Amino acid sequence: MKKLVPMIVLSFAASLAHAADSACMAAAKDKKLSGAARNSFVNKCEAGAKTKCEAAAADKKLAGAAKASNVNKCVQETGPAT
């Protein structure tokens, strides 16, 4: 039970964070993308950001909820690689 509550809270926080505009979504809006083009751009952008953020979390030797939280925050803040 002690592990269940933090997992639920983390899941809820992650869903709220994803609902907010990410740096990738802002970049898509700046490029005036819409529909499938926007979705494709944002998915590709966030996938690339997640890879970089997971590597950074591994370098920091984070694990579990701390890693997940750090990666989610990093993905939201990291924009597209230009």
N, C-alpha and C. Protein backbone atom coordinates (compact mmCIF):
# COMPACT_ATOMS: atom_id res chain seq x y z
N MET A 1 0.83 -1.20 0.00
CA MET A 1 0.00 0.00 0.00
C MET A 1 0.86 1.25 0.00
N LYS A 2 2.02 1.18 0.70
CA LYS A 2 2.88 2.35 0.77
C LYS A 2 3.45 2.71 -0.60
N LYS A 3 3.64 1.73 -1.46
CA LYS A 3 4.17 1.98 -2.79
C LYS A 3 3.07 2.39 -3.77
N LEU A 4 1.83 1.99 -3.49
CA LEU A 4 0.73 2.27 -4.40
C LEU A 4 0.38 3.75 -4.44
N VAL A 5 0.34 4.40 -3.31
CA VAL A 5 -0.05 5.81 -3.25
C VAL A 5 0.92 6.70 -4.03
N PRO A 6 2.23 6.57 -3.83
CA PRO A 6 3.15 7.41 -4.63
C PRO A 6 3.04 7.14 -6.13
N MET A 7 2.80 5.89 -6.50
CA MET A 7 2.66 5.56 -7.92
C MET A 7 1.43 6.23 -8.52
N ILE A 8 0.34 6.26 -7.78
CA ILE A 8 -0.87 6.91 -8.26
C ILE A 8 -0.64 8.41 -8.39
N VAL A 9 0.00 9.00 -7.40
CA VAL A 9 0.28 10.44 -7.43
C VAL A 9 1.20 10.76 -8.61
N LEU A 10 2.22 9.95 -8.82
CA LEU A 10 3.14 10.16 -9.93
C LEU A 10 2.44 10.04 -11.27
N SER A 11 1.56 9.06 -11.41
CA SER A 11 0.81 8.89 -12.65
C SER A 11 -0.08 10.09 -12.93
N PHE A 12 -0.74 10.59 -11.89
CA PHE A 12 -1.60 11.76 -12.05
C PHE A 12 -0.78 12.98 -12.43
N ALA A 13 0.36 13.17 -11.77
CA ALA A 13 1.22 14.32 -12.08
C ALA A 13 1.76 14.23 -13.50
N ALA A 14 2.11 13.05 -13.93
CA ALA A 14 2.62 12.87 -15.29
C ALA A 14 1.55 13.18 -16.33
N SER A 15 0.31 12.80 -16.06
CA SER A 15 -0.75 13.09 -17.02
C SER A 15 -1.03 14.58 -17.08
N LEU A 16 -0.94 15.27 -15.95
CA LEU A 16 -1.12 16.72 -15.96
C LEU A 16 0.02 17.41 -16.69
N ALA A 17 1.22 16.93 -16.48
CA ALA A 17 2.37 17.53 -17.13
C ALA A 17 2.28 17.35 -18.64
N HIS A 18 1.80 16.19 -19.08
CA HIS A 18 1.69 15.95 -20.51
C HIS A 18 0.60 16.81 -21.13
N ALA A 19 -0.43 17.14 -20.36
CA ALA A 19 -1.51 17.96 -20.87
C ALA A 19 -1.06 19.40 -21.10
N ALA A 20 -0.09 19.84 -20.33
CA ALA A 20 0.43 21.19 -20.50
C ALA A 20 1.24 21.26 -21.78
N ASP A 21 1.38 22.47 -22.34
CA ASP A 21 2.17 22.64 -23.53
C ASP A 21 3.63 22.34 -23.23
N SER A 22 4.20 21.46 -24.00
CA SER A 22 5.61 21.15 -23.87
C SER A 22 6.39 22.09 -24.79
N ALA A 23 7.69 22.06 -24.68
CA ALA A 23 8.54 22.86 -25.57
C ALA A 23 8.35 22.39 -27.00
N CYS A 24 8.11 21.11 -27.18
CA CYS A 24 7.90 20.57 -28.53
C CYS A 24 6.58 21.08 -29.13
N MET A 25 5.55 21.14 -28.29
CA MET A 25 4.27 21.65 -28.76
C MET A 25 4.38 23.14 -29.12
N ALA A 26 5.13 23.88 -28.32
CA ALA A 26 5.34 25.30 -28.61
C ALA A 26 6.08 25.47 -29.94
N ALA A 27 7.06 24.61 -30.19
CA ALA A 27 7.80 24.68 -31.45
C ALA A 27 6.89 24.36 -32.62
N ALA A 28 5.99 23.40 -32.45
CA ALA A 28 5.04 23.05 -33.51
C ALA A 28 4.10 24.22 -33.80
N LYS A 29 3.69 24.92 -32.74
CA LYS A 29 2.83 26.09 -32.93
C LYS A 29 3.58 27.21 -33.64
N ASP A 30 4.87 27.38 -33.29
CA ASP A 30 5.69 28.40 -33.96
C ASP A 30 5.83 28.10 -35.44
N LYS A 31 5.89 26.82 -35.79
CA LYS A 31 6.01 26.40 -37.19
C LYS A 31 4.65 26.38 -37.88
N LYS A 32 3.61 26.70 -37.11
CA LYS A 32 2.24 26.73 -37.62
C LYS A 32 1.80 25.37 -38.18
N LEU A 33 2.20 24.30 -37.49
CA LEU A 33 1.79 22.96 -37.89
C LEU A 33 0.44 22.65 -37.26
N SER A 34 -0.35 21.83 -37.95
CA SER A 34 -1.63 21.41 -37.39
C SER A 34 -1.93 19.99 -37.83
N GLY A 35 -2.86 19.39 -37.15
CA GLY A 35 -3.33 18.05 -37.50
C GLY A 35 -2.25 17.00 -37.38
N ALA A 36 -2.20 16.12 -38.37
CA ALA A 36 -1.28 14.99 -38.35
C ALA A 36 0.18 15.45 -38.38
N ALA A 37 0.47 16.53 -39.09
CA ALA A 37 1.84 17.04 -39.16
C ALA A 37 2.31 17.48 -37.77
N ARG A 38 1.42 18.16 -37.03
CA ARG A 38 1.77 18.61 -35.68
C ARG A 38 1.99 17.40 -34.76
N ASN A 39 1.07 16.44 -34.83
CA ASN A 39 1.19 15.25 -33.97
C ASN A 39 2.48 14.50 -34.26
N SER A 40 2.81 14.34 -35.53
CA SER A 40 4.03 13.64 -35.91
C SER A 40 5.26 14.39 -35.41
N PHE A 41 5.27 15.70 -35.60
CA PHE A 41 6.40 16.51 -35.16
C PHE A 41 6.58 16.43 -33.65
N VAL A 42 5.49 16.58 -32.91
CA VAL A 42 5.56 16.56 -31.44
C VAL A 42 6.00 15.19 -30.94
N ASN A 43 5.46 14.12 -31.51
CA ASN A 43 5.84 12.77 -31.08
C ASN A 43 7.33 12.52 -31.33
N LYS A 44 7.81 12.91 -32.51
CA LYS A 44 9.23 12.71 -32.84
C LYS A 44 10.11 13.57 -31.93
N CYS A 45 9.70 14.79 -31.70
CA CYS A 45 10.44 15.72 -30.84
C CYS A 45 10.52 15.18 -29.41
N GLU A 46 9.39 14.75 -28.87
CA GLU A 46 9.36 14.25 -27.49
C GLU A 46 10.11 12.92 -27.36
N ALA A 47 10.10 12.10 -28.40
CA ALA A 47 10.85 10.84 -28.35
C ALA A 47 12.35 11.12 -28.29
N GLY A 48 12.79 12.08 -29.09
CA GLY A 48 14.21 12.45 -29.06
C GLY A 48 14.59 13.07 -27.72
N ALA A 49 13.71 13.90 -27.19
CA ALA A 49 13.97 14.53 -25.90
C ALA A 49 14.00 13.48 -24.79
N LYS A 50 13.11 12.49 -24.88
CA LYS A 50 13.06 11.45 -23.84
C LYS A 50 14.36 10.64 -23.83
N THR A 51 14.88 10.36 -25.01
CA THR A 51 16.14 9.61 -25.09
C THR A 51 17.26 10.38 -24.41
N LYS A 52 17.35 11.67 -24.70
CA LYS A 52 18.38 12.51 -24.09
C LYS A 52 18.18 12.62 -22.58
N CYS A 53 16.94 12.78 -22.17
CA CYS A 53 16.64 12.94 -20.75
C CYS A 53 16.90 11.66 -19.96
N GLU A 54 16.60 10.52 -20.55
CA GLU A 54 16.87 9.25 -19.87
C GLU A 54 18.38 9.04 -19.71
N ALA A 55 19.14 9.45 -20.72
CA ALA A 55 20.60 9.34 -20.61
C ALA A 55 21.12 10.25 -19.50
N ALA A 56 20.55 11.46 -19.42
CA ALA A 56 20.96 12.39 -18.37
C ALA A 56 20.60 11.85 -16.99
N ALA A 57 19.43 11.22 -16.86
CA ALA A 57 19.02 10.64 -15.59
C ALA A 57 19.93 9.47 -15.21
N ALA A 58 20.36 8.71 -16.19
CA ALA A 58 21.27 7.60 -15.93
C ALA A 58 22.63 8.13 -15.46
N ASP A 59 23.07 9.23 -16.06
CA ASP A 59 24.33 9.85 -15.64
C ASP A 59 24.24 10.34 -14.19
N LYS A 60 23.04 10.78 -13.79
CA LYS A 60 22.83 11.24 -12.41
C LYS A 60 22.57 10.08 -11.46
N LYS A 61 22.52 8.86 -12.02
CA LYS A 61 22.26 7.64 -11.25
C LYS A 61 20.91 7.68 -10.52
N LEU A 62 19.90 8.22 -11.20
CA LEU A 62 18.55 8.25 -10.64
C LEU A 62 17.84 6.94 -10.95
N ALA A 63 16.91 6.57 -10.08
CA ALA A 63 16.13 5.35 -10.29
C ALA A 63 14.72 5.55 -9.74
N GLY A 64 13.81 4.72 -10.21
CA GLY A 64 12.44 4.72 -9.70
C GLY A 64 11.69 6.00 -9.97
N ALA A 65 10.95 6.45 -8.96
CA ALA A 65 10.11 7.63 -9.09
C ALA A 65 10.92 8.89 -9.34
N ALA A 66 12.10 8.98 -8.76
CA ALA A 66 12.95 10.15 -8.98
C ALA A 66 13.36 10.24 -10.44
N LYS A 67 13.68 9.10 -11.04
CA LYS A 67 14.06 9.07 -12.45
C LYS A 67 12.87 9.45 -13.33
N ALA A 68 11.72 8.85 -13.05
CA ALA A 68 10.53 9.13 -13.85
C ALA A 68 10.15 10.60 -13.78
N SER A 69 10.18 11.16 -12.60
CA SER A 69 9.85 12.57 -12.42
C SER A 69 10.84 13.46 -13.15
N ASN A 70 12.12 13.15 -13.01
CA ASN A 70 13.16 13.94 -13.67
C ASN A 70 13.03 13.86 -15.19
N VAL A 71 12.78 12.67 -15.73
CA VAL A 71 12.65 12.50 -17.17
C VAL A 71 11.42 13.24 -17.69
N ASN A 72 10.29 13.13 -16.99
CA ASN A 72 9.07 13.83 -17.42
C ASN A 72 9.27 15.34 -17.45
N LYS A 73 9.88 15.87 -16.41
CA LYS A 73 10.13 17.31 -16.35
C LYS A 73 11.08 17.73 -17.46
N CYS A 74 12.13 16.96 -17.66
CA CYS A 74 13.12 17.26 -18.69
C CYS A 74 12.49 17.26 -20.08
N VAL A 75 11.66 16.26 -20.37
CA VAL A 75 11.01 16.17 -21.69
C VAL A 75 10.13 17.39 -21.94
N GLN A 76 9.40 17.83 -20.92
CA GLN A 76 8.53 19.00 -21.07
C GLN A 76 9.34 20.27 -21.34
N GLU A 77 10.53 20.35 -20.77
CA GLU A 77 11.34 21.56 -20.91
C GLU A 77 12.25 21.54 -22.13
N THR A 78 12.56 20.35 -22.63
CA THR A 78 13.49 20.23 -23.74
C THR A 78 12.75 20.41 -25.06
N GLY A 79 13.25 21.31 -25.85
CA GLY A 79 12.64 21.57 -27.14
C GLY A 79 13.23 20.70 -28.23
N PRO A 80 12.84 20.95 -29.45
CA PRO A 80 13.36 20.16 -30.55
C PRO A 80 14.84 20.42 -30.79
N ALA A 81 15.54 19.40 -31.22
CA ALA A 81 16.95 19.56 -31.55
C ALA A 81 17.04 20.27 -32.89
N THR A 82 17.71 21.39 -32.90
CA THR A 82 17.84 22.15 -34.14
C THR A 82 19.27 22.27 -34.55
